[in-house]
Amino acid sequence: NPNLIHPGQVLKLPAREELPAAATPSRSQKAAAATVYGRDPETGK
């Protein structure tokens, strides 16, 4: 999940031309990206 990285994690940085193709997002990742978060201005919830 490209949205989940954490401090202290060491990433390899290959040359740009050596980067592999991106993986197809899972259903849970698509759902997270399509979910809208907000706050009701009347109730504050």
All heavy atoms as atom14 arrays in JSON, in Angstrom:
{
  "sequence": "NPNLIHPGQVLKLPAREELPAAATPSRSQKAAAATVYGRDPETGK",
  "atom14_mask": [
    [1, 1, 1, 1, 1, 1, 1, 1, 0, 0, 0, 0, 0, 0],
    [1, 1, 1, 1, 1, 1, 1, 0, 0, 0, 0, 0, 0, 0],
    [1, 1, 1, 1, 1, 1, 1, 1, 0, 0, 0, 0, 0, 0],
    [1, 1, 1, 1, 1, 1, 1, 1, 0, 0, 0, 0, 0, 0],
    [1, 1, 1, 1, 1, 1, 1, 1, 0, 0, 0, 0, 0, 0],
    [1, 1, 1, 1, 1, 1, 1, 1, 1, 1, 0, 0, 0, 0],
    [1, 1, 1, 1, 1, 1, 1, 0, 0, 0, 0, 0, 0, 0],
    [1, 1, 1, 1, 0, 0, 0, 0, 0, 0, 0, 0, 0, 0],
    [1, 1, 1, 1, 1, 1, 1, 1, 1, 0, 0, 0, 0, 0],
    [1, 1, 1, 1, 1, 1, 1, 0, 0, 0, 0, 0, 0, 0],
    [1, 1, 1, 1, 1, 1, 1, 1, 0, 0, 0, 0, 0, 0],
    [1, 1, 1, 1, 1, 1, 1, 1, 1, 0, 0, 0, 0, 0],
    [1, 1, 1, 1, 1, 1, 1, 1, 0, 0, 0, 0, 0, 0],
    [1, 1, 1, 1, 1, 1, 1, 0, 0, 0, 0, 0, 0, 0],
    [1, 1, 1, 1, 1, 0, 0, 0, 0, 0, 0, 0, 0, 0],
    [1, 1, 1, 1, 1, 1, 1, 1, 1, 1, 1, 0, 0, 0],
    [1, 1, 1, 1, 1, 1, 1, 1, 1, 0, 0, 0, 0, 0],
    [1, 1, 1, 1, 1, 1, 1, 1, 1, 0, 0, 0, 0, 0],
    [1, 1, 1, 1, 1, 1, 1, 1, 0, 0, 0, 0, 0, 0],
    [1, 1, 1, 1, 1, 1, 1, 0, 0, 0, 0, 0, 0, 0],
    [1, 1, 1, 1, 1, 0, 0, 0, 0, 0, 0, 0, 0, 0],
    [1, 1, 1, 1, 1, 0, 0, 0, 0, 0, 0, 0, 0, 0],
    [1, 1, 1, 1, 1, 0, 0, 0, 0, 0, 0, 0, 0, 0],
    [1, 1, 1, 1, 1, 1, 1, 0, 0, 0, 0, 0, 0, 0],
    [1, 1, 1, 1, 1, 1, 1, 0, 0, 0, 0, 0, 0, 0],
    [1, 1, 1, 1, 1, 1, 0, 0, 0, 0, 0, 0, 0, 0],
    [1, 1, 1, 1, 1, 1, 1, 1, 1, 1, 1, 0, 0, 0],
    [1, 1, 1, 1, 1, 1, 0, 0, 0, 0, 0, 0, 0, 0],
    [1, 1, 1, 1, 1, 1, 1, 1, 1, 0, 0, 0, 0, 0],
    [1, 1, 1, 1, 1, 1, 1, 1, 1, 0, 0, 0, 0, 0],
    [1, 1, 1, 1, 1, 0, 0, 0, 0, 0, 0, 0, 0, 0],
    [1, 1, 1, 1, 1, 0, 0, 0, 0, 0, 0, 0, 0, 0],
    [1, 1, 1, 1, 1, 0, 0, 0, 0, 0, 0, 0, 0, 0],
    [1, 1, 1, 1, 1, 0, 0, 0, 0, 0, 0, 0, 0, 0],
    [1, 1, 1, 1, 1, 1, 1, 0, 0, 0, 0, 0, 0, 0],
    [1, 1, 1, 1, 1, 1, 1, 0, 0, 0, 0, 0, 0, 0],
    [1, 1, 1, 1, 1, 1, 1, 1, 1, 1, 1, 1, 0, 0],
    [1, 1, 1, 1, 0, 0, 0, 0, 0, 0, 0, 0, 0, 0],
    [1, 1, 1, 1, 1, 1, 1, 1, 1, 1, 1, 0, 0, 0],
    [1, 1, 1, 1, 1, 1, 1, 1, 0, 0, 0, 0, 0, 0],
    [1, 1, 1, 1, 1, 1, 1, 0, 0, 0, 0, 0, 0, 0],
    [1, 1, 1, 1, 1, 1, 1, 1, 1, 0, 0, 0, 0, 0],
    [1, 1, 1, 1, 1, 1, 1, 0, 0, 0, 0, 0, 0, 0],
    [1, 1, 1, 1, 0, 0, 0, 0, 0, 0, 0, 0, 0, 0],
    [1, 1, 1, 1, 1, 1, 1, 1, 1, 0, 0, 0, 0, 0]
  ],
  "atom14_positions": [
    [[0.85, -1.19, 0.0], [0.0, 0.0, 0.0], [0.89, 1.23, 0.0], [1.52, 1.55, 1.01], [-0.91, 0.0, 1.24], [-1.91, 1.15, 1.21], [-1.79, 2.07, 0.42], [-2.92, 1.07, 2.07], [0.0, 0.0, 0.0], [0.0, 0.0, 0.0], [0.0, 0.0, 0.0], [0.0, 0.0, 0.0], [0.0, 0.0, 0.0], [0.0, 0.0, 0.0]],
    [[0.96, 1.97, -1.12], [1.84, 3.14, -1.2], [1.51, 4.23, -0.19], [2.31, 5.14, 0.04], [1.63, 3.65, -2.63], [1.06, 2.5, -3.38], [0.25, 1.73, -2.39], [0.0, 0.0, 0.0], [0.0, 0.0, 0.0], [0.0, 0.0, 0.0], [0.0, 0.0, 0.0], [0.0, 0.0, 0.0], [0.0, 0.0, 0.0], [0.0, 0.0, 0.0]],
    [[0.31, 4.18, 0.4], [-0.08, 5.2, 1.37], [0.41, 4.89, 2.77], [0.23, 5.69, 3.69], [-1.61, 5.34, 1.4], [-2.17, 5.8, 0.07], [-1.68, 6.75, -0.52], [-3.18, 5.1, -0.43], [0.0, 0.0, 0.0], [0.0, 0.0, 0.0], [0.0, 0.0, 0.0], [0.0, 0.0, 0.0], [0.0, 0.0, 0.0], [0.0, 0.0, 0.0]],
    [[1.02, 3.71, 2.96], [1.44, 3.3, 4.3], [2.96, 3.12, 4.35], [3.49, 2.09, 3.94], [0.75, 1.99, 4.7], [-0.78, 2.05, 4.84], [-1.33, 0.68, 5.2], [-1.18, 3.07, 5.9], [0.0, 0.0, 0.0], [0.0, 0.0, 0.0], [0.0, 0.0, 0.0], [0.0, 0.0, 0.0], [0.0, 0.0, 0.0], [0.0, 0.0, 0.0]],
    [[3.64, 4.15, 4.82], [5.06, 4.05, 5.14], [5.24, 4.62, 6.54], [4.36, 5.34, 7.03], [5.95, 4.81, 4.12], [5.55, 6.29, 4.05], [5.88, 4.16, 2.75], [6.47, 7.11, 3.15], [0.0, 0.0, 0.0], [0.0, 0.0, 0.0], [0.0, 0.0, 0.0], [0.0, 0.0, 0.0], [0.0, 0.0, 0.0], [0.0, 0.0, 0.0]],
    [[6.34, 4.27, 7.18], [6.49, 4.69, 8.57], [7.91, 5.22, 8.81], [8.86, 4.81, 8.15], [6.19, 3.53, 9.53], [7.03, 2.3, 9.27], [8.31, 2.17, 9.74], [6.76, 1.18, 8.55], [8.79, 1.0, 9.36], [7.88, 0.38, 8.63], [0.0, 0.0, 0.0], [0.0, 0.0, 0.0], [0.0, 0.0, 0.0], [0.0, 0.0, 0.0]],
    [[8.04, 6.15, 9.79], [9.37, 6.7, 10.1], [10.36, 5.6, 10.47], [10.02, 4.64, 11.16], [9.08, 7.61, 11.3], [7.65, 8.0, 11.15], [6.98, 6.78, 10.59], [0.0, 0.0, 0.0], [0.0, 0.0, 0.0], [0.0, 0.0, 0.0], [0.0, 0.0, 0.0], [0.0, 0.0, 0.0], [0.0, 0.0, 0.0], [0.0, 0.0, 0.0]],
    [[11.58, 5.73, 9.98], [12.61, 4.74, 10.24], [12.72, 3.69, 9.16], [13.71, 2.95, 9.1], [0.0, 0.0, 0.0], [0.0, 0.0, 0.0], [0.0, 0.0, 0.0], [0.0, 0.0, 0.0], [0.0, 0.0, 0.0], [0.0, 0.0, 0.0], [0.0, 0.0, 0.0], [0.0, 0.0, 0.0], [0.0, 0.0, 0.0], [0.0, 0.0, 0.0]],
    [[11.72, 3.59, 8.3], [11.75, 2.61, 7.2], [12.79, 3.03, 6.17], [12.86, 4.19, 5.76], [10.36, 2.55, 6.56], [10.19, 1.51, 5.48], [8.74, 1.45, 4.99], [7.88, 2.19, 5.48], [8.47, 0.59, 4.04], [0.0, 0.0, 0.0], [0.0, 0.0, 0.0], [0.0, 0.0, 0.0], [0.0, 0.0, 0.0], [0.0, 0.0, 0.0]],
    [[13.65, 2.11, 5.77], [14.71, 2.41, 4.81], [14.26, 1.98, 3.42], [13.93, 0.81, 3.19], [16.02, 1.69, 5.18], [17.11, 1.99, 4.14], [16.49, 2.13, 6.57], [0.0, 0.0, 0.0], [0.0, 0.0, 0.0], [0.0, 0.0, 0.0], [0.0, 0.0, 0.0], [0.0, 0.0, 0.0], [0.0, 0.0, 0.0], [0.0, 0.0, 0.0]],
    [[14.22, 2.93, 2.5], [13.78, 2.67, 1.13], [14.97, 2.58, 0.19], [15.91, 3.37, 0.29], [12.85, 3.78, 0.65], [11.59, 4.06, 1.47], [10.84, 5.23, 0.87], [10.71, 2.83, 1.54], [0.0, 0.0, 0.0], [0.0, 0.0, 0.0], [0.0, 0.0, 0.0], [0.0, 0.0, 0.0], [0.0, 0.0, 0.0], [0.0, 0.0, 0.0]],
    [[14.93, 1.63, -0.72], [15.91, 1.58, -1.8], [15.48, 2.56, -2.88], [14.3, 2.7, -3.18], [15.98, 0.16, -2.38], [16.49, -0.89, -1.42], [16.52, -2.27, -2.08], [15.11, -2.73, -2.43], [15.11, -4.11, -3.01], [0.0, 0.0, 0.0], [0.0, 0.0, 0.0], [0.0, 0.0, 0.0], [0.0, 0.0, 0.0], [0.0, 0.0, 0.0]],
    [[16.46, 3.26, -3.47], [16.17, 4.25, -4.51], [16.88, 3.85, -5.79], [17.95, 4.38, -6.12], [16.61, 5.65, -4.06], [15.97, 6.19, -2.77], [16.61, 7.54, -2.41], [14.47, 6.34, -2.93], [0.0, 0.0, 0.0], [0.0, 0.0, 0.0], [0.0, 0.0, 0.0], [0.0, 0.0, 0.0], [0.0, 0.0, 0.0], [0.0, 0.0, 0.0]],
    [[16.32, 2.92, -6.55], [16.95, 2.53, -7.82], [16.96, 3.69, -8.8], [16.24, 4.68, -8.61], [16.04, 1.39, -8.33], [15.17, 1.02, -7.17], [15.05, 2.24, -6.31], [0.0, 0.0, 0.0], [0.0, 0.0, 0.0], [0.0, 0.0, 0.0], [0.0, 0.0, 0.0], [0.0, 0.0, 0.0], [0.0, 0.0, 0.0], [0.0, 0.0, 0.0]],
    [[17.79, 3.58, -9.83], [17.76, 4.58, -10.89], [16.36, 4.61, -11.5], [15.65, 3.6, -11.5], [18.8, 4.26, -11.95], [0.0, 0.0, 0.0], [0.0, 0.0, 0.0], [0.0, 0.0, 0.0], [0.0, 0.0, 0.0], [0.0, 0.0, 0.0], [0.0, 0.0, 0.0], [0.0, 0.0, 0.0], [0.0, 0.0, 0.0], [0.0, 0.0, 0.0]],
    [[15.97, 5.73, -12.03], [14.6, 5.87, -12.55], [14.28, 4.79, -13.58], [13.19, 4.21, -13.58], [14.44, 7.27, -13.16], [13.07, 7.52, -13.76], [12.93, 8.92, -14.24], [11.61, 9.16, -14.81], [10.9, 10.26, -14.64], [11.39, 11.23, -13.9], [9.72, 10.41, -15.2], [0.0, 0.0, 0.0], [0.0, 0.0, 0.0], [0.0, 0.0, 0.0]],
    [[15.24, 4.53, -14.46], [14.98, 3.53, -15.52], [14.89, 2.12, -14.99], [14.44, 1.2, -15.68], [16.04, 3.64, -16.61], [17.47, 3.38, -16.14], [18.15, 4.64, -15.63], [17.44, 5.64, -15.42], [19.38, 4.59, -15.46], [0.0, 0.0, 0.0], [0.0, 0.0, 0.0], [0.0, 0.0, 0.0], [0.0, 0.0, 0.0], [0.0, 0.0, 0.0]],
    [[15.32, 1.91, -13.73], [15.27, 0.57, -13.14], [14.04, 0.36, -12.25], [13.86, -0.73, -11.69], [16.54, 0.33, -12.32], [17.81, 0.34, -13.17], [19.07, 0.2, -12.32], [18.94, 0.09, -11.09], [20.18, 0.21, -12.9], [0.0, 0.0, 0.0], [0.0, 0.0, 0.0], [0.0, 0.0, 0.0], [0.0, 0.0, 0.0], [0.0, 0.0, 0.0]],
    [[13.21, 1.37, -12.11], [12.01, 1.21, -11.29], [11.04, 0.26, -11.98], [10.76, 0.4, -13.18], [11.33, 2.57, -11.08], [12.02, 3.55, -10.14], [11.35, 4.91, -10.21], [12.01, 3.03, -8.71], [0.0, 0.0, 0.0], [0.0, 0.0, 0.0], [0.0, 0.0, 0.0], [0.0, 0.0, 0.0], [0.0, 0.0, 0.0], [0.0, 0.0, 0.0]],
    [[10.47, -0.71, -11.25], [9.5, -1.63, -11.85], [8.16, -0.94, -12.05], [7.92, 0.17, -11.57], [9.4, -2.75, -10.81], [9.71, -2.07, -9.51], [10.74, -1.02, -9.84], [0.0, 0.0, 0.0], [0.0, 0.0, 0.0], [0.0, 0.0, 0.0], [0.0, 0.0, 0.0], [0.0, 0.0, 0.0], [0.0, 0.0, 0.0], [0.0, 0.0, 0.0]],
    [[7.27, -1.6, -12.78], [5.93, -1.06, -12.96], [5.18, -1.06, -11.64], [5.43, -1.9, -10.76], [5.17, -1.89, -14.0], [0.0, 0.0, 0.0], [0.0, 0.0, 0.0], [0.0, 0.0, 0.0], [0.0, 0.0, 0.0], [0.0, 0.0, 0.0], [0.0, 0.0, 0.0], [0.0, 0.0, 0.0], [0.0, 0.0, 0.0], [0.0, 0.0, 0.0]],
    [[4.29, -0.1, -11.48], [3.5, -0.01, -10.25], [2.54, -1.18, -10.16], [1.98, -1.63, -11.17], [2.75, 1.3, -10.2], [0.0, 0.0, 0.0], [0.0, 0.0, 0.0], [0.0, 0.0, 0.0], [0.0, 0.0, 0.0], [0.0, 0.0, 0.0], [0.0, 0.0, 0.0], [0.0, 0.0, 0.0], [0.0, 0.0, 0.0], [0.0, 0.0, 0.0]],
    [[2.33, -1.68, -8.95], [1.39, -2.77, -8.72], [-0.04, -2.25, -8.85], [-0.31, -1.07, -8.61], [1.61, -3.37, -7.34], [0.0, 0.0, 0.0], [0.0, 0.0, 0.0], [0.0, 0.0, 0.0], [0.0, 0.0, 0.0], [0.0, 0.0, 0.0], [0.0, 0.0, 0.0], [0.0, 0.0, 0.0], [0.0, 0.0, 0.0], [0.0, 0.0, 0.0]],
    [[-0.96, -3.13, -9.26], [-2.37, -2.76, -9.36], [-2.94, -2.59, -7.96], [-2.79, -3.48, -7.12], [-3.16, -3.85, -10.1], [-2.59, -4.04, -11.4], [-4.63, -3.45, -10.24], [0.0, 0.0, 0.0], [0.0, 0.0, 0.0], [0.0, 0.0, 0.0], [0.0, 0.0, 0.0], [0.0, 0.0, 0.0], [0.0, 0.0, 0.0], [0.0, 0.0, 0.0]],
    [[-3.61, -1.47, -7.66], [-4.15, -1.26, -6.32], [-5.16, -2.32, -5.94], [-5.94, -2.78, -6.78], [-4.81, 0.13, -6.42], [-4.19, 0.78, -7.6], [-3.86, -0.32, -8.55], [0.0, 0.0, 0.0], [0.0, 0.0, 0.0], [0.0, 0.0, 0.0], [0.0, 0.0, 0.0], [0.0, 0.0, 0.0], [0.0, 0.0, 0.0], [0.0, 0.0, 0.0]],
    [[-5.14, -2.73, -4.68], [-6.11, -3.71, -4.18], [-7.46, -3.04, -3.99], [-7.59, -1.81, -4.05], [-5.64, -4.28, -2.84], [-5.64, -3.27, -1.85], [0.0, 0.0, 0.0], [0.0, 0.0, 0.0], [0.0, 0.0, 0.0], [0.0, 0.0, 0.0], [0.0, 0.0, 0.0], [0.0, 0.0, 0.0], [0.0, 0.0, 0.0], [0.0, 0.0, 0.0]],
    [[-8.51, -3.85, -3.75], [-9.84, -3.29, -3.54], [-9.87, -2.37, -2.33], [-10.52, -1.33, -2.33], [-10.86, -4.42, -3.37], [-11.12, -5.21, -4.65], [-12.14, -6.29, -4.41], [-12.43, -7.03, -5.64], [-13.29, -8.05, -5.72], [-13.93, -8.44, -4.62], [-13.49, -8.66, -6.85], [0.0, 0.0, 0.0], [0.0, 0.0, 0.0], [0.0, 0.0, 0.0]],
    [[-9.16, -2.78, -1.27], [-9.17, -1.96, -0.06], [-8.49, -0.61, -0.3], [-8.92, 0.4, 0.22], [-8.48, -2.7, 1.1], [-7.13, -2.98, 0.77], [0.0, 0.0, 0.0], [0.0, 0.0, 0.0], [0.0, 0.0, 0.0], [0.0, 0.0, 0.0], [0.0, 0.0, 0.0], [0.0, 0.0, 0.0], [0.0, 0.0, 0.0], [0.0, 0.0, 0.0]],
    [[-7.43, -0.62, -1.12], [-6.76, 0.64, -1.43], [-7.65, 1.54, -2.27], [-7.71, 2.75, -2.06], [-5.45, 0.38, -2.17], [-4.39, -0.33, -1.31], [-3.21, -0.77, -2.14], [-2.91, -0.19, -3.16], [-2.53, -1.81, -1.69], [0.0, 0.0, 0.0], [0.0, 0.0, 0.0], [0.0, 0.0, 0.0], [0.0, 0.0, 0.0], [0.0, 0.0, 0.0]],
    [[-8.38, 0.93, -3.24], [-9.31, 1.73, -4.04], [-10.41, 2.32, -3.18], [-10.82, 3.47, -3.35], [-9.9, 0.87, -5.15], [-8.94, 0.47, -6.25], [-9.66, -0.35, -7.29], [-8.72, -0.76, -8.43], [-9.42, -1.59, -9.44], [0.0, 0.0, 0.0], [0.0, 0.0, 0.0], [0.0, 0.0, 0.0], [0.0, 0.0, 0.0], [0.0, 0.0, 0.0]],
    [[-10.91, 1.52, -2.24], [-11.97, 2.0, -1.36], [-11.48, 3.15, -0.5], [-12.18, 4.14, -0.29], [-12.47, 0.85, -0.49], [0.0, 0.0, 0.0], [0.0, 0.0, 0.0], [0.0, 0.0, 0.0], [0.0, 0.0, 0.0], [0.0, 0.0, 0.0], [0.0, 0.0, 0.0], [0.0, 0.0, 0.0], [0.0, 0.0, 0.0], [0.0, 0.0, 0.0]],
    [[-10.25, 3.03, 0.0], [-9.71, 4.1, 0.84], [-9.55, 5.39, 0.05], [-9.83, 6.48, 0.55], [-8.37, 3.66, 1.42], [0.0, 0.0, 0.0], [0.0, 0.0, 0.0], [0.0, 0.0, 0.0], [0.0, 0.0, 0.0], [0.0, 0.0, 0.0], [0.0, 0.0, 0.0], [0.0, 0.0, 0.0], [0.0, 0.0, 0.0], [0.0, 0.0, 0.0]],
    [[-9.12, 5.26, -1.21], [-8.92, 6.44, -2.03], [-10.24, 7.1, -2.41], [-10.3, 8.32, -2.61], [-8.14, 6.06, -3.3], [0.0, 0.0, 0.0], [0.0, 0.0, 0.0], [0.0, 0.0, 0.0], [0.0, 0.0, 0.0], [0.0, 0.0, 0.0], [0.0, 0.0, 0.0], [0.0, 0.0, 0.0], [0.0, 0.0, 0.0], [0.0, 0.0, 0.0]],
    [[-11.32, 6.3, -2.52], [-12.62, 6.83, -2.93], [-13.47, 7.31, -1.77], [-14.52, 7.91, -1.96], [-13.39, 5.77, -3.72], [0.0, 0.0, 0.0], [0.0, 0.0, 0.0], [0.0, 0.0, 0.0], [0.0, 0.0, 0.0], [0.0, 0.0, 0.0], [0.0, 0.0, 0.0], [0.0, 0.0, 0.0], [0.0, 0.0, 0.0], [0.0, 0.0, 0.0]],
    [[-13.05, 7.04, -0.55], [-13.82, 7.42, 0.62], [-13.64, 8.91, 0.91], [-12.53, 9.42, 0.89], [-13.38, 6.61, 1.86], [-13.57, 5.22, 1.58], [-14.22, 7.0, 3.08], [0.0, 0.0, 0.0], [0.0, 0.0, 0.0], [0.0, 0.0, 0.0], [0.0, 0.0, 0.0], [0.0, 0.0, 0.0], [0.0, 0.0, 0.0], [0.0, 0.0, 0.0]],
    [[-14.75, 9.58, 1.16], [-14.74, 11.01, 1.46], [-14.91, 11.21, 2.96], [-15.86, 10.69, 3.55], [-15.86, 11.74, 0.7], [-15.89, 13.22, 1.08], [-15.7, 11.57, -0.79], [0.0, 0.0, 0.0], [0.0, 0.0, 0.0], [0.0, 0.0, 0.0], [0.0, 0.0, 0.0], [0.0, 0.0, 0.0], [0.0, 0.0, 0.0], [0.0, 0.0, 0.0]],
    [[-13.98, 11.93, 3.57], [-14.05, 12.25, 4.99], [-14.47, 13.7, 5.14], [-14.1, 14.57, 4.36], [-12.68, 12.05, 5.66], [-12.19, 10.62, 5.6], [-11.49, 10.16, 4.48], [-12.43, 9.74, 6.64], [-11.05, 8.86, 4.42], [-11.98, 8.43, 6.58], [-11.28, 7.99, 5.47], [-10.84, 6.69, 5.41], [0.0, 0.0, 0.0], [0.0, 0.0, 0.0]],
    [[-15.28, 13.97, 6.18], [-15.72, 15.35, 6.41], [-16.3, 15.52, 7.8], [-16.27, 14.61, 8.63], [0.0, 0.0, 0.0], [0.0, 0.0, 0.0], [0.0, 0.0, 0.0], [0.0, 0.0, 0.0], [0.0, 0.0, 0.0], [0.0, 0.0, 0.0], [0.0, 0.0, 0.0], [0.0, 0.0, 0.0], [0.0, 0.0, 0.0], [0.0, 0.0, 0.0]],
    [[-16.83, 16.73, 8.03], [-17.45, 17.05, 9.32], [-18.75, 17.81, 9.06], [-18.78, 18.75, 8.29], [-16.51, 17.9, 10.17], [-17.05, 18.21, 11.57], [-16.06, 19.07, 12.36], [-14.82, 18.35, 12.59], [-14.62, 17.51, 13.62], [-15.6, 17.28, 14.48], [-13.46, 16.91, 13.77], [0.0, 0.0, 0.0], [0.0, 0.0, 0.0], [0.0, 0.0, 0.0]],
    [[-19.85, 17.36, 9.69], [-21.14, 18.0, 9.54], [-21.09, 19.37, 10.21], [-20.85, 19.47, 11.42], [-22.23, 17.14, 10.2], [-23.62, 17.66, 9.83], [-23.85, 18.87, 9.93], [-24.49, 16.83, 9.46], [0.0, 0.0, 0.0], [0.0, 0.0, 0.0], [0.0, 0.0, 0.0], [0.0, 0.0, 0.0], [0.0, 0.0, 0.0], [0.0, 0.0, 0.0]],
    [[-21.32, 20.47, 9.46], [-21.21, 21.81, 10.05], [-22.26, 22.1, 11.12], [-22.08, 22.97, 11.95], [-21.37, 22.74, 8.84], [-22.11, 21.93, 7.82], [-21.67, 20.51, 8.03], [0.0, 0.0, 0.0], [0.0, 0.0, 0.0], [0.0, 0.0, 0.0], [0.0, 0.0, 0.0], [0.0, 0.0, 0.0], [0.0, 0.0, 0.0], [0.0, 0.0, 0.0]],
    [[-23.41, 21.37, 11.07], [-24.48, 21.62, 12.05], [-24.27, 20.85, 13.34], [-24.42, 21.39, 14.44], [-25.84, 21.25, 11.44], [-26.22, 22.14, 10.23], [-27.59, 21.79, 9.69], [-28.23, 20.86, 10.24], [-28.03, 22.45, 8.73], [0.0, 0.0, 0.0], [0.0, 0.0, 0.0], [0.0, 0.0, 0.0], [0.0, 0.0, 0.0], [0.0, 0.0, 0.0]],
    [[-23.89, 19.58, 13.22], [-23.73, 18.75, 14.42], [-22.29, 18.69, 14.9], [-22.04, 18.36, 16.06], [-24.22, 17.32, 14.15], [-23.37, 16.73, 13.15], [-25.66, 17.32, 13.64], [0.0, 0.0, 0.0], [0.0, 0.0, 0.0], [0.0, 0.0, 0.0], [0.0, 0.0, 0.0], [0.0, 0.0, 0.0], [0.0, 0.0, 0.0], [0.0, 0.0, 0.0]],
    [[-21.33, 18.99, 14.01], [-19.93, 18.89, 14.38], [-19.4, 17.48, 14.36], [-18.24, 17.23, 14.69], [0.0, 0.0, 0.0], [0.0, 0.0, 0.0], [0.0, 0.0, 0.0], [0.0, 0.0, 0.0], [0.0, 0.0, 0.0], [0.0, 0.0, 0.0], [0.0, 0.0, 0.0], [0.0, 0.0, 0.0], [0.0, 0.0, 0.0], [0.0, 0.0, 0.0]],
    [[-20.23, 16.5, 13.96], [-19.79, 15.1, 13.94], [-19.03, 14.78, 12.65], [-19.36, 15.29, 11.58], [-21.0, 14.17, 14.06], [-21.71, 14.27, 15.41], [-22.86, 13.27, 15.47], [-23.56, 13.32, 16.84], [-24.68, 12.35, 16.91], [0.0, 0.0, 0.0], [0.0, 0.0, 0.0], [0.0, 0.0, 0.0], [0.0, 0.0, 0.0], [0.0, 0.0, 0.0]]
  ]
}
